[in-house]
């Protein structure tokens, strides 16, 4: 089940609003998004140990296997 907006906002605060991949602040790259490290089709869940908060650019790169 996807994360609630409240949990996403808490994760954004926890990362101090900095993308965990490119290390740029949210004010430069837009609102951070949760990315499942282990993808859903591989059994990855939306749990804290499987989430990385990233900007849209980094999130897109993950899904196009650029990382």
PDB file of N, CA and C in Angstrom:
ATOM      1  N   UNK A   1       0.841  -1.173   0.000  1.00  0.00           N
ATOM      2  CA  UNK A   1       0.000   0.000   0.000  1.00  0.00           C
ATOM      3  C   UNK A   1       0.892   1.244   0.000  1.00  0.00           C
ATOM      4  N   UNK A   2       0.605   2.217  -0.873  1.00  0.00           N
ATOM      5  CA  UNK A   2       1.409   3.443  -0.923  1.00  0.00           C
ATOM      6  C   UNK A   2       1.414   4.195   0.406  1.00  0.00           C
ATOM      7  N   UNK A   3       2.395   5.040   0.575  1.00  0.00           N
ATOM      8  CA  UNK A   3       2.520   5.834   1.793  1.00  0.00           C
ATOM      9  C   UNK A   3       1.488   6.954   1.815  1.00  0.00           C
ATOM     10  N   UNK A   4       1.054   7.310   3.007  1.00  0.00           N
ATOM     11  CA  UNK A   4       0.130   8.435   3.152  1.00  0.00           C
ATOM     12  C   UNK A   4       0.900   9.740   2.962  1.00  0.00           C
ATOM     13  N   UNK A   5       0.182  10.807   2.672  1.00  0.00           N
ATOM     14  CA  UNK A   5       0.816  12.124   2.521  1.00  0.00           C
ATOM     15  C   UNK A   5       1.533  12.521   3.807  1.00  0.00           C
ATOM     16  N   UNK A   6       0.953  12.159   4.934  1.00  0.00           N
ATOM     17  CA  UNK A   6       1.560  12.488   6.231  1.00  0.00           C
ATOM     18  C   UNK A   6       2.929  11.802   6.366  1.00  0.00           C
ATOM     19  N   UNK A   7       2.998  10.514   6.017  1.00  0.00           N
ATOM     20  CA  UNK A   7       4.267   9.788   6.112  1.00  0.00           C
ATOM     21  C   UNK A   7       5.289  10.325   5.111  1.00  0.00           C
ATOM     22  N   UNK A   8       4.840  10.672   3.918  1.00  0.00           N
ATOM     23  CA  UNK A   8       5.743  11.248   2.924  1.00  0.00           C
ATOM     24  C   UNK A   8       6.321  12.559   3.443  1.00  0.00           C
ATOM     25  N   UNK A   9       5.479  13.393   4.030  1.00  0.00           N
ATOM     26  CA  UNK A   9       5.960  14.662   4.577  1.00  0.00           C
ATOM     27  C   UNK A   9       6.934  14.444   5.726  1.00  0.00           C
ATOM     28  N   UNK A  10       6.685  13.451   6.561  1.00  0.00           N
ATOM     29  CA  UNK A  10       7.622  13.136   7.647  1.00  0.00           C
ATOM     30  C   UNK A  10       8.967  12.678   7.093  1.00  0.00           C
ATOM     31  N   UNK A  11       8.943  11.874   6.034  1.00  0.00           N
ATOM     32  CA  UNK A  11      10.184  11.426   5.399  1.00  0.00           C
ATOM     33  C   UNK A  11      10.932  12.598   4.759  1.00  0.00           C
ATOM     34  N   UNK A  12      10.199  13.518   4.167  1.00  0.00           N
ATOM     35  CA  UNK A  12      10.832  14.709   3.589  1.00  0.00           C
ATOM     36  C   UNK A  12      11.536  15.510   4.680  1.00  0.00           C
ATOM     37  N   UNK A  13      10.868  15.662   5.814  1.00  0.00           N
ATOM     38  CA  UNK A  13      11.471  16.361   6.955  1.00  0.00           C
ATOM     39  C   UNK A  13      12.698  15.609   7.460  1.00  0.00           C
ATOM     40  N   UNK A  14      12.594  14.296   7.578  1.00  0.00           N
ATOM     41  CA  UNK A  14      13.692  13.466   8.080  1.00  0.00           C
ATOM     42  C   UNK A  14      14.945  13.629   7.225  1.00  0.00           C
ATOM     43  N   UNK A  15      14.769  13.757   5.913  1.00  0.00           N
ATOM     44  CA  UNK A  15      15.918  13.923   5.008  1.00  0.00           C
ATOM     45  C   UNK A  15      16.340  15.386   4.903  1.00  0.00           C
ATOM     46  N   UNK A  16      15.700  16.233   5.715  1.00  0.00           N
ATOM     47  CA  UNK A  16      15.976  17.676   5.715  1.00  0.00           C
ATOM     48  C   UNK A  16      15.739  18.292   4.337  1.00  0.00           C
ATOM     49  N   UNK A  17      14.753  17.720   3.617  1.00  0.00           N
ATOM     50  CA  UNK A  17      14.310  18.230   2.313  1.00  0.00           C
ATOM     51  C   UNK A  17      15.437  18.216   1.279  1.00  0.00           C
ATOM     52  N   UNK A  18      16.313  17.207   1.372  1.00  0.00           N
ATOM     53  CA  UNK A  18      17.429  17.059   0.437  1.00  0.00           C
ATOM     54  C   UNK A  18      17.313  15.694  -0.239  1.00  0.00           C
ATOM     55  N   UNK A  19      17.430  15.687  -1.553  1.00  0.00           N
ATOM     56  CA  UNK A  19      17.361  14.441  -2.318  1.00  0.00           C
ATOM     57  C   UNK A  19      18.472  13.505  -1.847  1.00  0.00           C
ATOM     58  N   UNK A  20      18.120  12.275  -1.545  1.00  0.00           N
ATOM     59  CA  UNK A  20      19.096  11.315  -1.040  1.00  0.00           C
ATOM     60  C   UNK A  20      20.038  10.807  -2.125  1.00  0.00           C
ATOM     61  N   UNK A  21      19.767  11.124  -3.373  1.00  0.00           N
ATOM     62  CA  UNK A  21      20.638  10.675  -4.458  1.00  0.00           C
ATOM     63  C   UNK A  21      21.562  11.800  -4.925  1.00  0.00           C
ATOM     64  N   UNK A  22      21.001  12.904  -5.420  1.00  0.00           N
ATOM     65  CA  UNK A  22      21.828  13.984  -5.974  1.00  0.00           C
ATOM     66  C   UNK A  22      22.233  15.018  -4.924  1.00  0.00           C
ATOM     67  N   UNK A  23      21.648  14.928  -3.729  1.00  0.00           N
ATOM     68  CA  UNK A  23      21.972  15.801  -2.591  1.00  0.00           C
ATOM     69  C   UNK A  23      21.569  17.257  -2.799  1.00  0.00           C
ATOM     70  N   UNK A  24      20.648  17.514  -3.735  1.00  0.00           N
ATOM     71  CA  UNK A  24      20.164  18.878  -3.964  1.00  0.00           C
ATOM     72  C   UNK A  24      18.941  19.137  -3.096  1.00  0.00           C
ATOM     73  N   UNK A  25      18.794  20.387  -2.618  1.00  0.00           N
ATOM     74  CA  UNK A  25      17.634  20.716  -1.789  1.00  0.00           C
ATOM     75  C   UNK A  25      16.340  20.773  -2.607  1.00  0.00           C
ATOM     76  N   UNK A  26      15.272  20.504  -1.910  1.00  0.00           N
ATOM     77  CA  UNK A  26      13.948  20.504  -2.537  1.00  0.00           C
ATOM     78  C   UNK A  26      13.638  21.822  -3.235  1.00  0.00           C
ATOM     79  N   UNK A  27      14.082  22.928  -2.677  1.00  0.00           N
ATOM     80  CA  UNK A  27      13.754  24.215  -3.299  1.00  0.00           C
ATOM     81  C   UNK A  27      14.392  24.370  -4.679  1.00  0.00           C
ATOM     82  N   UNK A  28      15.394  23.562  -4.994  1.00  0.00           N
ATOM     83  CA  UNK A  28      16.014  23.583  -6.331  1.00  0.00           C
ATOM     84  C   UNK A  28      15.407  22.544  -7.275  1.00  0.00           C
ATOM     85  N   UNK A  29      14.988  21.397  -6.724  1.00  0.00           N
ATOM     86  CA  UNK A  29      14.584  20.269  -7.579  1.00  0.00           C
ATOM     87  C   UNK A  29      13.109  19.886  -7.476  1.00  0.00           C
ATOM     88  N   UNK A  30      12.358  20.570  -6.649  1.00  0.00           N
ATOM     89  CA  UNK A  30      10.941  20.237  -6.476  1.00  0.00           C
ATOM     90  C   UNK A  30      10.732  19.250  -5.346  1.00  0.00           C
ATOM     91  N   UNK A  31       9.491  19.008  -5.039  1.00  0.00           N
ATOM     92  CA  UNK A  31       9.113  18.159  -3.906  1.00  0.00           C
ATOM     93  C   UNK A  31       9.675  16.745  -4.057  1.00  0.00           C
ATOM     94  N   UNK A  32      10.262  16.237  -2.983  1.00  0.00           N
ATOM     95  CA  UNK A  32      10.827  14.893  -2.991  1.00  0.00           C
ATOM     96  C   UNK A  32       9.742  13.838  -3.077  1.00  0.00           C
ATOM     97  N   UNK A  33      10.097  12.720  -3.684  1.00  0.00           N
ATOM     98  CA  UNK A  33       9.176  11.605  -3.888  1.00  0.00           C
ATOM     99  C   UNK A  33       9.747  10.342  -3.265  1.00  0.00           C
ATOM    100  N   UNK A  34       8.888   9.474  -2.738  1.00  0.00           N
ATOM    101  CA  UNK A  34       9.392   8.200  -2.209  1.00  0.00           C
ATOM    102  C   UNK A  34       9.693   7.223  -3.350  1.00  0.00           C
ATOM    103  N   UNK A  35      10.855   6.612  -3.286  1.00  0.00           N
ATOM    104  CA  UNK A  35      11.237   5.594  -4.258  1.00  0.00           C
ATOM    105  C   UNK A  35      11.498   4.296  -3.512  1.00  0.00           C
ATOM    106  N   UNK A  36      10.865   3.212  -3.968  1.00  0.00           N
ATOM    107  CA  UNK A  36      11.118   1.906  -3.356  1.00  0.00           C
ATOM    108  C   UNK A  36      12.445   1.363  -3.883  1.00  0.00           C
ATOM    109  N   UNK A  37      13.366   1.083  -2.996  1.00  0.00           N
ATOM    110  CA  UNK A  37      14.673   0.564  -3.370  1.00  0.00           C
ATOM    111  C   UNK A  37      14.514  -0.792  -4.047  1.00  0.00           C
ATOM    112  N   UNK A  38      13.788  -1.686  -3.422  1.00  0.00           N
ATOM    113  CA  UNK A  38      13.417  -2.961  -4.046  1.00  0.00           C
ATOM    114  C   UNK A  38      12.045  -2.726  -4.667  1.00  0.00           C
ATOM    115  N   UNK A  39      11.961  -2.809  -5.969  1.00  0.00           N
ATOM    116  CA  UNK A  39      10.716  -2.480  -6.677  1.00  0.00           C
ATOM    117  C   UNK A  39       9.550  -3.371  -6.285  1.00  0.00           C
ATOM    118  N   UNK A  40       8.365  -2.827  -6.472  1.00  0.00           N
ATOM    119  CA  UNK A  40       7.147  -3.521  -6.093  1.00  0.00           C
ATOM    120  C   UNK A  40       6.983  -4.878  -6.731  1.00  0.00           C
ATOM    121  N   UNK A  41       7.298  -4.984  -8.014  1.00  0.00           N
ATOM    122  CA  UNK A  41       7.128  -6.269  -8.690  1.00  0.00           C
ATOM    123  C   UNK A  41       8.116  -7.319  -8.183  1.00  0.00           C
ATOM    124  N   UNK A  42       9.117  -6.882  -7.447  1.00  0.00           N
ATOM    125  CA  UNK A  42      10.065  -7.819  -6.836  1.00  0.00           C
ATOM    126  C   UNK A  42       9.743  -8.060  -5.357  1.00  0.00           C
ATOM    127  N   UNK A  43       8.601  -7.580  -4.935  1.00  0.00           N
ATOM    128  CA  UNK A  43       8.177  -7.784  -3.560  1.00  0.00           C
ATOM    129  C   UNK A  43       8.502  -6.634  -2.626  1.00  0.00           C
ATOM    130  N   UNK A  44       9.061  -5.550  -3.160  1.00  0.00           N
ATOM    131  CA  UNK A  44       9.399  -4.389  -2.336  1.00  0.00           C
ATOM    132  C   UNK A  44       8.158  -3.683  -1.823  1.00  0.00           C
ATOM    133  N   UNK A  45       8.160  -3.386  -0.555  1.00  0.00           N
ATOM    134  CA  UNK A  45       7.016  -2.733   0.076  1.00  0.00           C
ATOM    135  C   UNK A  45       7.329  -1.272   0.371  1.00  0.00           C
ATOM    136  N   UNK A  46       6.278  -0.514   0.640  1.00  0.00           N
ATOM    137  CA  UNK A  46       6.439   0.862   1.084  1.00  0.00           C
ATOM    138  C   UNK A  46       6.669   0.844   2.593  1.00  0.00           C
ATOM    139  N   UNK A  47       7.861   0.440   3.003  1.00  0.00           N
ATOM    140  CA  UNK A  47       8.221   0.476   4.421  1.00  0.00           C
ATOM    141  C   UNK A  47       9.491   1.314   4.544  1.00  0.00           C
ATOM    142  N   UNK A  48       9.750   1.816   5.712  1.00  0.00           N
ATOM    143  CA  UNK A  48      10.835   2.772   5.918  1.00  0.00           C
ATOM    144  C   UNK A  48      12.198   2.251   5.451  1.00  0.00           C
ATOM    145  N   UNK A  49      12.481   0.987   5.625  1.00  0.00           N
ATOM    146  CA  UNK A  49      13.798   0.479   5.236  1.00  0.00           C
ATOM    147  C   UNK A  49      13.923   0.258   3.728  1.00  0.00           C
ATOM    148  N   UNK A  50      12.826   0.407   3.001  1.00  0.00           N
ATOM    149  CA  UNK A  50      12.850   0.205   1.558  1.00  0.00           C
ATOM    150  C   UNK A  50      12.548   1.499   0.791  1.00  0.00           C
ATOM    151  N   UNK A  51      12.563   2.635   1.476  1.00  0.00           N
ATOM    152  CA  UNK A  51      12.225   3.910   0.850  1.00  0.00           C
ATOM    153  C   UNK A  51      13.437   4.829   0.826  1.00  0.00           C
ATOM    154  N   UNK A  52      13.587   5.498  -0.295  1.00  0.00           N
ATOM    155  CA  UNK A  52      14.606   6.522  -0.463  1.00  0.00           C
ATOM    156  C   UNK A  52      13.875   7.751  -0.994  1.00  0.00           C
ATOM    157  N   UNK A  53      14.092   8.907  -0.382  1.00  0.00           N
ATOM    158  CA  UNK A  53      13.428  10.132  -0.826  1.00  0.00           C
ATOM    159  C   UNK A  53      14.297  10.817  -1.872  1.00  0.00           C
ATOM    160  N   UNK A  54      13.750  10.954  -3.075  1.00  0.00           N
ATOM    161  CA  UNK A  54      14.506  11.492  -4.208  1.00  0.00           C
ATOM    162  C   UNK A  54      13.689  12.533  -4.969  1.00  0.00           C
ATOM    163  N   UNK A  55      14.382  13.364  -5.743  1.00  0.00           N
ATOM    164  CA  UNK A  55      13.704  14.344  -6.591  1.00  0.00           C
ATOM    165  C   UNK A  55      13.135  13.629  -7.823  1.00  0.00           C
ATOM    166  N   UNK A  56      12.320  14.336  -8.576  1.00  0.00           N
ATOM    167  CA  UNK A  56      11.701  13.718  -9.756  1.00  0.00           C
ATOM    168  C   UNK A  56      12.740  13.244 -10.769  1.00  0.00           C
ATOM    169  N   UNK A  57      13.777  14.050 -11.003  1.00  0.00           N
ATOM    170  CA  UNK A  57      14.807  13.671 -11.973  1.00  0.00           C
ATOM    171  C   UNK A  57      15.479  12.361 -11.567  1.00  0.00           C
ATOM    172  N   UNK A  58      15.891  12.257 -10.303  1.00  0.00           N
ATOM    173  CA  UNK A  58      16.537  11.028  -9.826  1.00  0.00           C
ATOM    174  C   UNK A  58      15.556   9.859  -9.838  1.00  0.00           C
ATOM    175  N   UNK A  59      14.302  10.129  -9.495  1.00  0.00           N
ATOM    176  CA  UNK A  59      13.292   9.073  -9.497  1.00  0.00           C
ATOM    177  C   UNK A  59      13.110   8.522 -10.912  1.00  0.00           C
ATOM    178  N   UNK A  60      13.036   9.430 -11.881  1.00  0.00           N
ATOM    179  CA  UNK A  60      12.910   8.994 -13.274  1.00  0.00           C
ATOM    180  C   UNK A  60      14.138   8.186 -13.703  1.00  0.00           C
ATOM    181  N   UNK A  61      15.325   8.614 -13.288  1.00  0.00           N
ATOM    182  CA  UNK A  61      16.540   7.887 -13.637  1.00  0.00           C
ATOM    183  C   UNK A  61      16.520   6.466 -13.064  1.00  0.00           C
ATOM    184  N   UNK A  62      16.010   6.317 -11.844  1.00  0.00           N
ATOM    185  CA  UNK A  62      15.894   4.978 -11.254  1.00  0.00           C
ATOM    186  C   UNK A  62      15.011   4.083 -12.119  1.00  0.00           C
ATOM    187  N   UNK A  63      13.908   4.637 -12.569  1.00  0.00           N
ATOM    188  CA  UNK A  63      12.966   3.824 -13.323  1.00  0.00           C
ATOM    189  C   UNK A  63      13.399   3.567 -14.766  1.00  0.00           C
ATOM    190  N   UNK A  64      14.353   4.325 -15.227  1.00  0.00           N
ATOM    191  CA  UNK A  64      14.939   4.048 -16.542  1.00  0.00           C
ATOM    192  C   UNK A  64      16.291   3.392 -16.407  1.00  0.00           C
ATOM    193  N   UNK A  65      16.589   2.858 -15.197  1.00  0.00           N
ATOM    194  CA  UNK A  65      17.803   2.092 -14.884  1.00  0.00           C
ATOM    195  C   UNK A  65      19.094   2.836 -15.203  1.00  0.00           C
ATOM    196  N   UNK A  66      19.125   4.124 -14.913  1.00  0.00           N
ATOM    197  CA  UNK A  66      20.332   4.914 -15.131  1.00  0.00           C
ATOM    198  C   UNK A  66      21.287   4.817 -13.941  1.00  0.00           C
ATOM    199  N   UNK A  67      20.773   4.439 -12.755  1.00  0.00           N
ATOM    200  CA  UNK A  67      21.636   4.307 -11.574  1.00  0.00           C
ATOM    201  C   UNK A  67      22.103   2.891 -11.449  1.00  0.00           C
TER     202      UNK A  67
END
